[in-house]
C-alpha atoms as a PDB file:
ATOM      1  CA  MET A   1     -12.053  14.549  -8.155  1.00  0.00           C
ATOM      2  CA  PHE A   2     -10.890  17.864  -9.766  1.00  0.00           C
ATOM      3  CA  LYS A   3     -13.383  19.766  -7.607  1.00  0.00           C
ATOM      4  CA  TYR A   4     -11.217  21.209  -5.176  1.00  0.00           C
ATOM      5  CA  GLU A   5     -12.957  22.924  -1.839  1.00  0.00           C
ATOM      6  CA  HIS A   6     -13.473  26.401  -1.641  1.00  0.00           C
ATOM      7  CA  ARG A   7     -11.504  28.563   0.550  1.00  0.00           C
ATOM      8  CA  THR A   8     -13.898  28.808   2.958  1.00  0.00           C
ATOM      9  CA  LYS A   9     -14.282  25.579   3.620  1.00  0.00           C
ATOM     10  CA  PRO A  10     -11.951  23.458   5.941  1.00  0.00           C
ATOM     11  CA  LEU A  11      -8.658  22.029   4.684  1.00  0.00           C
ATOM     12  CA  LEU A  12      -8.838  18.468   3.568  1.00  0.00           C
ATOM     13  CA  SER A  13      -7.310  15.674   6.262  1.00  0.00           C
ATOM     14  CA  LYS A  14      -3.961  14.578   5.528  1.00  0.00           C
ATOM     15  CA  LYS A  15      -5.637  10.919   4.526  1.00  0.00           C
ATOM     16  CA  GLN A  16      -8.110  12.878   1.979  1.00  0.00           C
ATOM     17  CA  TYR A  17      -5.054  15.023   0.524  1.00  0.00           C
ATOM     18  CA  TYR A  18      -3.074  12.064   0.043  1.00  0.00           C
ATOM     19  CA  ARG A  19      -5.541  10.516  -1.543  1.00  0.00           C
ATOM     20  CA  ARG A  20      -6.198  13.267  -3.986  1.00  0.00           C
ATOM     21  CA  LEU A  21      -2.034  13.283  -4.667  1.00  0.00           C
ATOM     22  CA  ILE A  22      -2.125   9.295  -5.553  1.00  0.00           C
ATOM     23  CA  TYR A  23      -5.458   9.949  -7.968  1.00  0.00           C
ATOM     24  CA  ASN A  24      -3.664  12.542  -9.514  1.00  0.00           C
ATOM     25  CA  PHE A  25      -0.105  10.938  -9.769  1.00  0.00           C
ATOM     26  CA  PHE A  26      -1.857   7.997 -11.287  1.00  0.00           C
ATOM     27  CA  LEU A  27      -3.979  10.068 -13.737  1.00  0.00           C
ATOM     28  CA  ALA A  28      -0.582  11.628 -14.687  1.00  0.00           C
ATOM     29  CA  LEU A  29       0.712   8.096 -15.252  1.00  0.00           C
ATOM     30  CA  ILE A  30      -1.704   6.891 -17.484  1.00  0.00           C
ATOM     31  CA  ILE A  31      -1.946  10.179 -19.565  1.00  0.00           C
ATOM     32  CA  ILE A  32       2.083   9.648 -19.970  1.00  0.00           C
ATOM     33  CA  ALA A  33       1.818   5.775 -20.792  1.00  0.00           C
ATOM     34  CA  PHE A  34      -0.609   6.801 -23.287  1.00  0.00           C
ATOM     35  CA  SER A  35       1.110   9.301 -24.990  1.00  0.00           C
ATOM     36  CA  LEU A  36       3.704   7.101 -25.284  1.00  0.00           C
ATOM     37  CA  ALA A  37       2.592   4.621 -26.631  1.00  0.00           C
ATOM     38  CA  MET A  38       0.979   7.060 -29.195  1.00  0.00           C
ATOM     39  CA  GLY A  39       4.535   8.033 -29.937  1.00  0.00           C
ATOM     40  CA  ILE A  40       6.178   4.451 -30.349  1.00  0.00           C
ATOM     41  CA  VAL A  41       3.234   3.314 -32.360  1.00  0.00           C
ATOM     42  CA  GLY A  42       3.152   6.278 -34.727  1.00  0.00           C
ATOM     43  CA  TYR A  43       7.662   6.110 -35.236  1.00  0.00           C
ATOM     44  CA  MET A  44       6.966   2.519 -35.900  1.00  0.00           C
ATOM     45  CA  HIS A  45       4.459   3.082 -38.422  1.00  0.00           C
ATOM     46  CA  TRP A  46       5.476   6.256 -40.214  1.00  0.00           C
ATOM     47  CA  GLY A  47       8.975   6.322 -39.376  1.00  0.00           C
ATOM     48  CA  GLU A  48       9.329   2.827 -39.760  1.00  0.00           C
ATOM     49  CA  GLN A  49      11.905   1.951 -37.010  1.00  0.00           C
ATOM     50  CA  SER A  50      12.386  -0.578 -34.478  1.00  0.00           C
ATOM     51  CA  PHE A  51      10.277  -0.806 -31.264  1.00  0.00           C
ATOM     52  CA  VAL A  52      13.364   0.423 -28.951  1.00  0.00           C
ATOM     53  CA  ASP A  53      14.168   3.406 -31.527  1.00  0.00           C
ATOM     54  CA  ALA A  54      10.756   4.497 -31.611  1.00  0.00           C
ATOM     55  CA  LEU A  55      10.574   4.302 -27.901  1.00  0.00           C
ATOM     56  CA  LEU A  56      13.468   6.358 -27.499  1.00  0.00           C
ATOM     57  CA  ASN A  57      12.792   9.107 -30.213  1.00  0.00           C
ATOM     58  CA  ALA A  58       9.096   9.058 -28.473  1.00  0.00           C
ATOM     59  CA  SER A  59      10.361   9.276 -24.715  1.00  0.00           C
ATOM     60  CA  MET A  60      13.039  11.956 -25.684  1.00  0.00           C
ATOM     61  CA  ILE A  61      10.160  14.043 -27.566  1.00  0.00           C
ATOM     62  CA  LEU A  62       7.868  13.408 -24.755  1.00  0.00           C
ATOM     63  CA  GLY A  63      10.564  14.544 -22.189  1.00  0.00           C
ATOM     64  CA  GLY A  64      11.169  17.813 -24.144  1.00  0.00           C
ATOM     65  CA  MET A  65      14.422  16.749 -25.280  1.00  0.00           C
ATOM     66  CA  GLY A  66      13.656  16.335 -28.812  1.00  0.00           C
ATOM     67  CA  PRO A  67      14.162  13.602 -31.525  1.00  0.00           C
ATOM     68  CA  VAL A  68      17.390  11.216 -31.844  1.00  0.00           C
ATOM     69  CA  ASP A  69      17.153   9.804 -35.149  1.00  0.00           C
ATOM     70  CA  THR A  70      16.844  11.469 -38.518  1.00  0.00           C
ATOM     71  CA  LEU A  71      13.178  10.545 -40.159  1.00  0.00           C
ATOM     72  CA  HIS A  72      13.183  10.068 -43.982  1.00  0.00           C
ATOM     73  CA  THR A  73       9.911  10.374 -45.195  1.00  0.00           C
ATOM     74  CA  ALA A  74       7.392  13.337 -45.178  1.00  0.00           C
ATOM     75  CA  ALA A  75       4.718  10.979 -43.372  1.00  0.00           C
ATOM     76  CA  ALA A  76       6.997  10.252 -40.456  1.00  0.00           C
ATOM     77  CA  LYS A  77       8.113  14.076 -40.368  1.00  0.00           C
ATOM     78  CA  TYR A  78       4.746  15.218 -40.303  1.00  0.00           C
ATOM     79  CA  PHE A  79       3.895  12.678 -37.489  1.00  0.00           C
ATOM     80  CA  ALA A  80       7.186  14.182 -35.598  1.00  0.00           C
ATOM     81  CA  SER A  81       5.973  17.741 -35.856  1.00  0.00           C
ATOM     82  CA  PHE A  82       2.591  17.024 -34.764  1.00  0.00           C
ATOM     83  CA  TYR A  83       3.558  14.422 -31.592  1.00  0.00           C
ATOM     84  CA  ALA A  84       6.119  17.050 -30.736  1.00  0.00           C
ATOM     85  CA  LEU A  85       3.652  19.605 -30.437  1.00  0.00           C
ATOM     86  CA  TYR A  86       1.195  17.401 -28.516  1.00  0.00           C
ATOM     87  CA  SER A  87       4.104  16.359 -26.281  1.00  0.00           C
ATOM     88  CA  GLY A  88       5.025  19.813 -25.206  1.00  0.00           C
ATOM     89  CA  ILE A  89       1.053  20.745 -24.105  1.00  0.00           C
ATOM     90  CA  THR A  90       0.949  16.843 -22.243  1.00  0.00           C
ATOM     91  CA  LEU A  91       4.068  17.859 -20.501  1.00  0.00           C
ATOM     92  CA  ILE A  92       2.980  21.093 -19.264  1.00  0.00           C
ATOM     93  CA  SER A  93      -0.004  19.669 -18.545  1.00  0.00           C
ATOM     94  CA  THR A  94       1.166  16.567 -16.853  1.00  0.00           C
ATOM     95  CA  VAL A  95       3.168  18.897 -14.336  1.00  0.00           C
ATOM     96  CA  ALA A  96       0.057  20.924 -13.511  1.00  0.00           C
ATOM     97  CA  ILE A  97      -1.866  17.914 -12.822  1.00  0.00           C
ATOM     98  CA  LEU A  98       0.640  16.813 -10.615  1.00  0.00           C
ATOM     99  CA  PHE A  99       1.184  19.795  -8.763  1.00  0.00           C
ATOM    100  CA  ALA A 100      -2.014  21.027  -8.751  1.00  0.00           C
ATOM    101  CA  PRO A 101      -2.892  19.374  -5.280  1.00  0.00           C
ATOM    102  CA  LEU A 102       0.070  20.955  -3.580  1.00  0.00           C
ATOM    103  CA  ILE A 103      -0.423  24.295  -4.819  1.00  0.00           C
ATOM    104  CA  HIS A 104      -4.434  24.324  -3.944  1.00  0.00           C
ATOM    105  CA  ARG A 105      -3.286  22.824  -0.532  1.00  0.00           C
ATOM    106  CA  VAL A 106      -0.841  26.154  -0.116  1.00  0.00           C
ATOM    107  CA  MET A 107      -2.915  28.750  -1.350  1.00  0.00           C
ATOM    108  CA  HIS A 108      -5.925  27.237   0.760  1.00  0.00           C
ATOM    109  CA  ARG A 109      -3.699  27.032   3.724  1.00  0.00           C
ATOM    110  CA  PHE A 110      -2.732  30.945   3.269  1.00  0.00           C
ATOM    111  CA  HIS A 111      -6.316  31.708   2.736  1.00  0.00           C
ATOM    112  CA  LEU A 112      -7.239  30.181   5.960  1.00  0.00           C
ATOM    113  CA  GLU A 113      -4.684  32.050   7.668  1.00  0.00           C
ATOM    114  CA  THR A 114      -5.257  35.124   6.064  1.00  0.00           C
ATOM    115  CA  ASP A 115      -9.079  34.942   7.013  1.00  0.00           C
ATOM    116  CA  ASN A 116      -8.271  34.249  10.563  1.00  0.00           C
ATOM    117  CA  ASP A 117      -5.848  37.203  10.739  1.00  0.00           C
ATOM    118  CA  ASP A 118      -8.810  39.455   9.744  1.00  0.00           C
ATOM    119  CA  GLU A 119     -10.908  38.918  12.813  1.00  0.00           C
END
């Protein structure tokens, strides 16, 4: 589904475009849910936090805000540092997945208009 049409091909119909948007939305949702679950489990295991505190810390880091609670063990600090790096990349990737269909459609339409102007 990640294979987008070439600029020489016609623009997708609105129905196909909306299907692509929905697919990318659910893909991003799955990535976020998996990443949040990974953070919750890590904070509960290594940070010895309750579910609510682990959810809060994982959500804040995944959203790019930063941690809330102080971690006391070296293992928890290692986990938090790797999870923060992972979360930063995940945040950027998820935004790219969400906006890719829109950006592609705008650029595709621009190229179609440019190609038609040359004739």
